[in-house]
Amino acid sequence: MNTSANEILRQAAKTGFSRRSFGRIASVVGAASALPILNESALAQLSAIGRISPDAVKINANENPLGPSVEALEVMHKFTPLGGRYLYEETFDFAKTVAEQEGVKATYVRPYGGSSLPLHHVVMAFTSPEKSLVTADPGYEAAYRAAQTVGAKYHLVPLSTPTYKHDVKAMYEADPNAGVYYICNPNNPSGTLTPREDIDWLVSKLKGEQVLVLDEAYIHLADTPVGSDLVAGDKNVVILRTFSKLYGMAGLRAGFALGRPDLLAKFGKYNSGAVSVTAMAGAHASIKNPKLVPERRQIIKNVREDVFAFLDKKNYSYIRSESNKFLLDVKMPAKDFSQKMQAHNIYVGRAWPAMPTHSRVSVGTAEEMKKFMEALPKVMA
C-alpha cells in the first residue's frame, strides 16, 4: 500500500468519520504504524506504575486523593443500578447547569468524558499540514500528539521566566497563522499561571478560523478568574474543563468543552456515543455544591504551601505552583530521582525533555507529603 498513514488520517479528518469508520481506518493504519492518538487516560499511562503496596505514596499523576465528594458518591451509587439505560436527559441537565453557572447559552456547552478527548479533537479540527499548533514547553503533550495525527507542524515555545508563564508574544511570533494556540492555565506540568491580560492579548490577535484552546483543567485549584466570559463574548476560544482534578473523579471520566456552537460543531464530528451517566450524575452533583471548590482549594493549598516552606528551608530549587503539582529541580536526571524515591516506597512523576532534572511532584494528602519530605533529604544527599 503506497498511501501513508498520515495521508489516510488527513483524508479522514477532511471528511469526518464515525466510530465504525474510524475503526476501519485504524486497522489499516495499524498495519503500517502505531496510531499516535493519546487522550487523558492514555497519557496518564505514562505515569502507570503497576501494582504497588497499599501504603505506598503515589504522587505521580496529578490525582486528587480526596476522591469524589460525598454528594457525588451518593448520586453515583443511586445511578449505578440504572446503568443499563443511556439516560441522556442526565447529561442534558448537567450541560444546562454548567451553562447557567458559566454565563453562556446551553448550546455553548458539550459534555465529554474528561477534557483531553475534546482537546485532541479540536486540534485535529483546526490544524492541518498548512495550519500549525503552538504550545508551551514544557506543556501537556496531548496537544502536539493530536497535531501529529493530521500531519500538522507544531511549535514548542519555552515558558517565560522568572514566573514560568506562557510567553504569549513568543507563541504568536512562532506562527502568526497557526490554526491553534494552546494554553493550559495553570500549566501542566509547572502549575504556573498565565495572567488574564496576556490571554486577552493573544485573543485579540486571532483572525479567521484561528482558535485559542484554553485548558482550565486545573483552574479551580488557583484563586484566579475563569475565562468563560471569552466564550460568552463569542471569541474564537474553546475552554476545556475536567472533573479529574479538584473534583477527584479522574477514574470516572467527566468534563466538558465551552465554545461557540460553530466551533463545537467543527470538532464535535469526531465524537460519538453517550457519556457515562454515572460520571455525569456525579459531576452534576459536584457543581451544585457551592462550598466544594473553595474548601478543597484551601485543603490542597495548605498542604502545598507546607511542602514549599520545607523546600525553602532546605534551599531546594523548585518552580512555585498554583496547582496540585510542582516541578522540583532534583539536580540529577529525573528518572534516577524517581527510582531512588521508589526505594522509599514513594512514586513521583516524570520529567519533560525541556527540563530533564525537574521532577513533577503531585500534591497528595498531608500524611503522604510528610513521608515525601522525610525521604527527600536522604535521596538528595
Protein backbone atom coordinates (compact mmCIF):
# COMPACT_ATOMS: atom_id res chain seq x y z
CA MET A 1 0.00 0.00 0.00
CA ASN A 2 1.56 3.30 -1.13
CA THR A 3 -0.69 5.71 0.77
CA SER A 4 0.97 6.83 4.00
CA ALA A 5 -0.66 6.50 7.40
CA ASN A 6 -0.71 10.28 7.82
CA GLU A 7 -2.40 10.72 4.45
CA ILE A 8 -5.16 8.30 5.44
CA LEU A 9 -5.72 10.26 8.61
CA ARG A 10 -5.66 13.59 6.80
CA GLN A 11 -8.31 12.43 4.36
CA ALA A 12 -10.40 11.14 7.23
CA ALA A 13 -10.03 14.44 9.05
CA LYS A 14 -11.31 16.34 5.98
CA THR A 15 -14.44 14.28 5.61
CA GLY A 16 -15.19 13.37 9.22
CA PHE A 17 -15.71 9.80 10.29
CA SER A 18 -17.89 7.77 12.56
CA ARG A 19 -16.71 5.48 15.32
CA ARG A 20 -17.16 2.50 12.98
CA SER A 21 -15.33 4.06 10.06
CA PHE A 22 -12.56 5.14 12.40
CA GLY A 23 -12.16 1.51 13.42
CA ARG A 24 -11.64 0.54 9.78
CA ILE A 25 -9.16 3.37 9.26
CA ALA A 26 -7.26 2.48 12.42
CA SER A 27 -6.98 -1.14 11.31
CA VAL A 28 -5.45 -0.04 8.01
CA VAL A 29 -3.11 2.44 9.64
CA GLY A 30 -2.14 -0.09 12.26
CA ALA A 31 -0.60 -2.28 9.58
CA ALA A 32 1.88 0.48 8.78
CA SER A 33 2.41 2.28 12.06
CA ALA A 34 1.01 2.80 15.52
CA LEU A 35 -1.78 5.35 15.69
CA PRO A 36 -0.48 8.16 17.92
CA ILE A 37 -3.81 9.23 19.42
CA LEU A 38 -3.47 9.82 23.13
CA ASN A 39 -6.27 11.08 25.31
CA GLU A 40 -6.04 11.90 29.01
CA SER A 41 -6.35 8.27 30.08
CA ALA A 42 -3.70 7.16 27.59
CA LEU A 43 -1.27 9.88 28.61
CA ALA A 44 -1.85 9.01 32.24
CA GLN A 45 -0.41 5.61 31.42
CA LEU A 46 2.95 7.34 31.13
CA SER A 47 2.65 7.55 34.92
CA ALA A 48 1.38 3.99 35.30
CA ILE A 49 3.39 2.06 37.86
CA GLY A 50 1.51 -1.21 38.11
CA ARG A 51 0.53 -2.80 41.40
CA ILE A 52 2.09 -1.11 44.40
CA SER A 53 1.83 -1.69 48.12
CA PRO A 54 -1.24 -0.21 49.85
CA ASP A 55 0.95 2.03 51.98
CA ALA A 56 2.91 3.46 49.03
CA VAL A 57 2.87 7.22 48.45
CA LYS A 58 1.54 7.76 44.93
CA ILE A 59 2.15 11.38 43.96
CA ASN A 60 2.96 10.91 40.29
CA ALA A 61 -0.22 11.54 38.26
CA ASN A 62 -1.83 14.80 39.49
CA GLU A 63 -4.64 12.81 41.07
CA ASN A 64 -6.76 14.04 43.95
CA PRO A 65 -6.59 11.52 46.81
CA LEU A 66 -9.72 13.08 48.33
CA GLY A 67 -11.76 11.34 45.65
CA PRO A 68 -15.33 12.29 44.68
CA SER A 69 -17.37 14.48 47.00
CA VAL A 70 -19.96 12.96 49.36
CA GLU A 71 -22.73 14.32 47.13
CA ALA A 72 -21.17 12.76 44.04
CA LEU A 73 -20.74 9.39 45.75
CA GLU A 74 -24.35 9.32 46.88
CA VAL A 75 -25.84 10.13 43.48
CA MET A 76 -23.48 7.80 41.61
CA HIS A 77 -24.50 4.97 43.92
CA LYS A 78 -28.11 5.76 43.02
CA PHE A 79 -27.44 5.73 39.28
CA THR A 80 -25.23 2.65 39.08
CA PRO A 81 -28.19 0.20 39.09
CA LEU A 82 -29.66 2.24 36.21
CA GLY A 83 -26.54 1.72 34.10
CA GLY A 84 -28.47 -0.35 31.59
CA ARG A 85 -30.04 2.86 30.29
CA TYR A 86 -28.39 5.68 28.39
CA LEU A 87 -30.39 8.32 30.31
CA TYR A 88 -29.34 11.14 28.01
CA GLU A 89 -31.51 13.56 29.96
CA GLU A 90 -29.00 13.46 32.83
CA THR A 91 -26.26 14.71 30.50
CA PHE A 92 -28.60 17.41 29.15
CA ASP A 93 -29.42 18.55 32.70
CA PHE A 94 -25.72 18.66 33.55
CA ALA A 95 -24.99 20.82 30.48
CA LYS A 96 -27.84 23.15 31.38
CA THR A 97 -26.46 23.72 34.88
CA VAL A 98 -22.95 24.29 33.51
CA ALA A 99 -24.34 26.89 31.08
CA GLU A 100 -26.13 28.72 33.87
CA GLN A 101 -23.05 28.78 36.09
CA GLU A 102 -20.66 29.83 33.32
CA GLY A 103 -22.93 32.54 31.88
CA VAL A 104 -23.31 31.00 28.42
CA LYS A 105 -26.16 29.52 26.41
CA ALA A 106 -26.78 25.78 26.69
CA THR A 107 -25.75 25.38 23.05
CA TYR A 108 -22.26 26.56 24.04
CA VAL A 109 -21.67 23.50 26.28
CA ARG A 110 -20.71 19.98 25.19
CA PRO A 111 -20.10 17.27 27.84
CA TYR A 112 -17.22 14.83 27.45
CA GLY A 113 -15.51 12.06 29.36
CA GLY A 114 -12.70 14.26 30.72
CA SER A 115 -11.05 17.17 28.92
CA SER A 116 -8.27 15.61 26.86
CA LEU A 117 -10.60 13.98 24.34
CA PRO A 118 -12.04 17.34 23.22
CA LEU A 119 -8.50 18.76 23.26
CA HIS A 120 -7.43 16.11 20.82
CA HIS A 121 -10.47 16.68 18.64
CA VAL A 122 -10.22 20.48 18.49
CA VAL A 123 -6.55 20.27 17.49
CA MET A 124 -7.42 17.74 14.78
CA ALA A 125 -10.20 20.00 13.50
CA PHE A 126 -8.31 23.30 13.39
CA THR A 127 -4.79 22.22 12.44
CA SER A 128 -3.51 20.66 9.22
CA PRO A 129 -0.30 20.44 7.19
CA GLU A 130 -0.91 24.13 6.39
CA LYS A 131 -2.04 25.25 9.87
CA SER A 132 0.23 24.59 12.83
CA LEU A 133 -0.22 24.19 16.57
CA VAL A 134 1.65 26.43 19.01
CA THR A 135 2.03 25.23 22.59
CA ALA A 136 4.27 25.67 25.64
CA ASP A 137 7.42 23.76 26.54
CA PRO A 138 7.14 22.07 28.94
CA GLY A 139 3.43 21.56 28.49
CA TYR A 140 0.73 18.92 28.26
CA GLU A 141 1.72 16.58 25.46
CA ALA A 142 -1.77 15.66 24.23
CA ALA A 143 -1.97 18.84 22.13
CA TYR A 144 1.03 18.20 19.91
CA ARG A 145 0.33 14.48 19.78
CA ALA A 146 -3.04 15.39 18.29
CA ALA A 147 -1.37 17.66 15.71
CA GLN A 148 0.79 14.74 14.63
CA THR A 149 -2.28 12.68 13.74
CA VAL A 150 -3.24 15.13 10.99
CA GLY A 151 0.29 15.85 9.81
CA ALA A 152 0.33 19.35 11.29
CA LYS A 153 3.51 21.10 12.35
CA TYR A 154 3.79 22.14 15.97
CA HIS A 155 5.90 24.73 17.74
CA LEU A 156 7.10 24.26 21.32
CA VAL A 157 7.68 27.66 22.92
CA PRO A 158 9.62 27.82 26.21
CA LEU A 159 7.78 29.15 29.24
CA SER A 160 8.69 32.71 30.13
CA THR A 161 10.92 33.02 33.18
CA PRO A 162 11.10 34.02 36.00
CA THR A 163 7.41 33.19 36.59
CA TYR A 164 7.24 30.37 34.02
CA LYS A 165 4.05 31.70 32.46
CA HIS A 166 3.15 31.17 28.82
CA ASP A 167 5.11 33.57 26.63
CA VAL A 168 2.13 34.59 24.50
CA LYS A 169 4.06 37.01 22.30
CA ALA A 170 6.68 34.39 21.51
CA MET A 171 3.88 31.91 20.84
CA TYR A 172 2.27 34.26 18.35
CA GLU A 173 5.59 35.06 16.70
CA ALA A 174 6.28 31.33 16.34
CA ASP A 175 3.47 31.25 13.75
CA PRO A 176 1.10 34.21 13.30
CA ASN A 177 -1.02 31.98 11.04
CA ALA A 178 -1.28 28.98 13.36
CA GLY A 179 -4.53 27.06 13.46
CA VAL A 180 -4.47 26.54 17.24
CA TYR A 181 -2.73 28.20 20.17
CA TYR A 182 -2.89 26.02 23.25
CA ILE A 183 -2.65 27.39 26.79
CA CYS A 184 -3.09 25.19 29.85
CA ASN A 185 -3.78 27.52 32.78
CA PRO A 186 -2.49 26.69 35.36
CA ASN A 187 0.05 24.90 33.23
CA ASN A 188 0.81 21.20 33.35
CA PRO A 189 3.47 20.31 34.49
CA SER A 190 4.67 23.57 36.06
CA GLY A 191 1.43 24.57 37.81
CA THR A 192 2.12 28.21 36.93
CA LEU A 193 -0.44 30.83 35.94
CA THR A 194 -0.58 32.99 32.82
CA PRO A 195 -2.16 36.39 33.57
CA ARG A 196 -5.51 37.21 32.01
CA GLU A 197 -4.11 40.26 30.26
CA ASP A 198 -1.68 38.01 28.37
CA ILE A 199 -4.51 35.71 27.32
CA ASP A 200 -6.58 38.71 26.21
CA TRP A 201 -3.65 39.94 24.13
CA LEU A 202 -3.41 36.64 22.29
CA VAL A 203 -7.18 36.50 21.75
CA SER A 204 -7.03 39.97 20.19
CA LYS A 205 -4.61 38.60 17.58
CA LEU A 206 -6.84 35.75 16.42
CA LYS A 207 -8.26 36.02 12.95
CA GLY A 208 -10.30 33.88 10.59
CA GLU A 209 -10.55 30.30 11.88
CA GLN A 210 -7.67 30.60 14.33
CA VAL A 211 -8.60 29.23 17.76
CA LEU A 212 -7.22 29.60 21.27
CA VAL A 213 -7.74 26.45 23.31
CA LEU A 214 -7.77 27.46 26.96
CA ASP A 215 -7.36 24.32 29.03
CA GLU A 216 -8.70 25.02 32.51
CA ALA A 217 -8.31 21.51 33.88
CA TYR A 218 -6.61 22.93 36.99
CA ILE A 219 -8.33 26.32 37.17
CA HIS A 220 -10.32 25.51 40.31
CA LEU A 221 -7.08 24.95 42.22
CA ALA A 222 -5.92 28.53 41.67
CA ASP A 223 -7.50 31.66 43.08
CA THR A 224 -7.96 33.25 39.67
CA PRO A 225 -10.91 34.10 37.39
CA VAL A 226 -12.05 31.59 34.79
CA GLY A 227 -12.22 32.50 31.10
CA SER A 228 -15.88 31.73 30.43
CA ASP A 229 -16.62 35.34 29.53
CA LEU A 230 -14.43 34.94 26.44
CA VAL A 231 -16.78 32.24 25.20
CA ALA A 232 -19.83 34.27 26.19
CA GLY A 233 -18.38 37.10 24.12
CA ASP A 234 -18.23 34.83 21.06
CA LYS A 235 -14.44 34.93 20.79
CA ASN A 236 -12.52 32.26 18.88
CA VAL A 237 -11.90 30.45 22.14
CA VAL A 238 -12.61 26.91 23.27
CA ILE A 239 -12.40 26.27 27.02
CA LEU A 240 -11.88 22.78 28.42
CA ARG A 241 -12.70 21.61 31.95
CA THR A 242 -12.40 18.30 33.72
CA PHE A 243 -13.62 16.73 36.95
CA SER A 244 -10.41 14.72 37.26
CA LYS A 245 -8.51 17.16 39.45
CA LEU A 246 -10.15 19.21 42.21
CA TYR A 247 -13.35 17.16 41.99
CA GLY A 248 -11.46 13.88 42.46
CA MET A 249 -13.06 11.96 39.58
CA ALA A 250 -10.03 11.06 37.44
CA GLY A 251 -11.03 7.43 37.02
CA LEU A 252 -14.69 8.24 36.40
CA ARG A 253 -14.13 10.47 33.35
CA ALA A 254 -16.24 13.62 33.26
CA GLY A 255 -15.64 17.02 31.69
CA PHE A 256 -16.91 19.47 29.11
CA ALA A 257 -15.98 21.96 26.41
CA LEU A 258 -17.24 25.54 26.14
CA GLY A 259 -17.35 27.34 22.82
CA ARG A 260 -19.48 28.93 20.15
CA PRO A 261 -21.82 26.37 18.56
CA ASP A 262 -20.00 26.58 15.22
CA LEU A 263 -16.67 25.79 16.90
CA LEU A 264 -18.16 22.91 18.89
CA ALA A 265 -19.73 21.53 15.71
CA LYS A 266 -16.44 21.59 13.80
CA PHE A 267 -14.61 19.33 16.24
CA GLY A 268 -17.70 17.57 17.57
CA LYS A 269 -17.90 15.49 14.41
CA TYR A 270 -15.04 13.36 15.72
CA ASN A 271 -17.06 12.29 18.75
CA SER A 272 -19.84 9.75 19.02
CA GLY A 273 -21.71 7.81 21.66
CA ALA A 274 -23.08 8.64 25.07
CA VAL A 275 -21.17 9.96 28.07
CA SER A 276 -21.17 7.82 31.21
CA VAL A 277 -24.41 8.59 33.04
CA THR A 278 -22.75 7.72 36.36
CA ALA A 279 -19.98 10.24 35.72
CA MET A 280 -22.45 12.89 34.57
CA ALA A 281 -24.57 12.41 37.68
CA GLY A 282 -21.51 12.68 39.91
CA ALA A 283 -20.24 15.76 38.09
CA HIS A 284 -23.65 17.40 38.25
CA ALA A 285 -23.90 16.81 41.99
CA SER A 286 -20.40 18.20 42.46
CA ILE A 287 -21.05 21.57 40.80
CA LYS A 288 -24.28 22.01 42.74
CA ASN A 289 -22.28 22.28 45.98
CA PRO A 290 -21.01 25.90 46.15
CA LYS A 291 -18.67 25.12 49.06
CA LEU A 292 -16.81 22.27 47.40
CA VAL A 293 -14.37 24.25 45.25
CA PRO A 294 -13.23 26.79 47.87
CA GLU A 295 -12.96 24.12 50.59
CA ARG A 296 -10.89 21.72 48.50
CA ARG A 297 -8.79 24.51 47.03
CA GLN A 298 -7.83 25.56 50.55
CA ILE A 299 -7.07 21.99 51.66
CA ILE A 300 -4.75 21.42 48.72
CA LYS A 301 -3.18 24.87 49.06
CA ASN A 302 -2.41 24.30 52.76
CA VAL A 303 -0.59 21.05 52.01
CA ARG A 304 1.23 22.55 49.01
CA GLU A 305 2.41 25.61 50.95
CA ASP A 306 3.61 23.41 53.81
CA VAL A 307 5.77 21.50 51.33
CA PHE A 308 7.05 24.73 49.81
CA ALA A 309 8.03 26.03 53.26
CA PHE A 310 10.01 22.82 53.78
CA LEU A 311 11.71 23.14 50.38
CA ASP A 312 12.61 26.77 51.12
CA LYS A 313 14.08 25.79 54.47
CA LYS A 314 16.23 23.15 52.80
CA ASN A 315 17.19 25.52 49.96
CA TYR A 316 15.84 23.15 47.33
CA SER A 317 15.08 24.66 43.95
CA TYR A 318 11.54 24.37 42.60
CA ILE A 319 9.03 26.24 40.47
CA ARG A 320 6.33 27.82 42.60
CA SER A 321 2.94 26.45 41.63
CA GLU A 322 -0.70 27.48 41.96
CA SER A 323 -1.94 23.97 41.33
CA ASN A 324 -1.84 20.42 42.69
CA LYS A 325 1.65 19.68 41.36
CA PHE A 326 5.02 21.39 41.02
CA LEU A 327 8.39 20.92 39.35
CA LEU A 328 11.28 20.14 41.69
CA ASP A 329 14.85 20.56 40.45
CA VAL A 330 16.46 17.38 41.78
CA LYS A 331 19.94 18.15 40.35
CA MET A 332 20.11 14.74 38.67
CA PRO A 333 18.29 13.01 35.82
CA ALA A 334 14.66 12.92 36.96
CA LYS A 335 14.43 9.23 36.08
CA ASP A 336 17.24 8.47 38.54
CA PHE A 337 15.49 10.52 41.20
CA SER A 338 12.25 8.63 40.61
CA GLN A 339 13.98 5.28 41.07
CA LYS A 340 15.65 6.43 44.27
CA MET A 341 12.33 7.66 45.67
CA GLN A 342 10.74 4.31 44.84
CA ALA A 343 13.25 2.71 47.19
CA HIS A 344 11.43 4.67 49.90
CA ASN A 345 8.03 3.47 48.59
CA ILE A 346 7.31 6.90 47.11
CA TYR A 347 6.30 7.33 43.47
CA VAL A 348 6.80 10.74 41.86
CA GLY A 349 6.03 11.96 38.36
CA ARG A 350 8.01 12.04 35.18
CA ALA A 351 10.16 14.74 33.59
CA TRP A 352 9.90 16.72 30.36
CA PRO A 353 12.77 16.94 27.83
CA ALA A 354 12.87 20.72 28.23
CA MET A 355 13.69 20.33 31.94
CA PRO A 356 15.39 16.93 32.37
CA THR A 357 16.40 17.47 36.00
CA HIS A 358 12.97 18.65 37.10
CA SER A 359 10.63 16.01 38.50
CA ARG A 360 6.90 16.66 38.61
CA VAL A 361 5.55 16.04 42.09
CA SER A 362 1.81 15.87 42.72
CA VAL A 363 0.36 17.23 45.96
CA GLY A 364 -1.06 14.35 47.97
CA THR A 365 -2.53 14.25 51.44
CA ALA A 366 -0.75 15.85 54.38
CA GLU A 367 0.34 12.39 55.53
CA GLU A 368 1.65 11.47 52.09
CA MET A 369 3.61 14.69 51.73
CA LYS A 370 5.09 14.22 55.20
CA LYS A 371 6.56 10.91 54.02
CA PHE A 372 7.80 12.66 50.87
CA MET A 373 9.54 15.35 52.95
CA GLU A 374 11.13 12.70 55.18
CA ALA A 375 12.57 10.79 52.23
CA LEU A 376 13.64 13.75 50.07
CA PRO A 377 16.76 14.81 52.05
CA LYS A 378 18.01 11.22 52.04
CA VAL A 379 17.64 10.97 48.27
CA MET A 380 19.03 14.42 47.56
CA ALA A 381 22.06 13.70 49.75
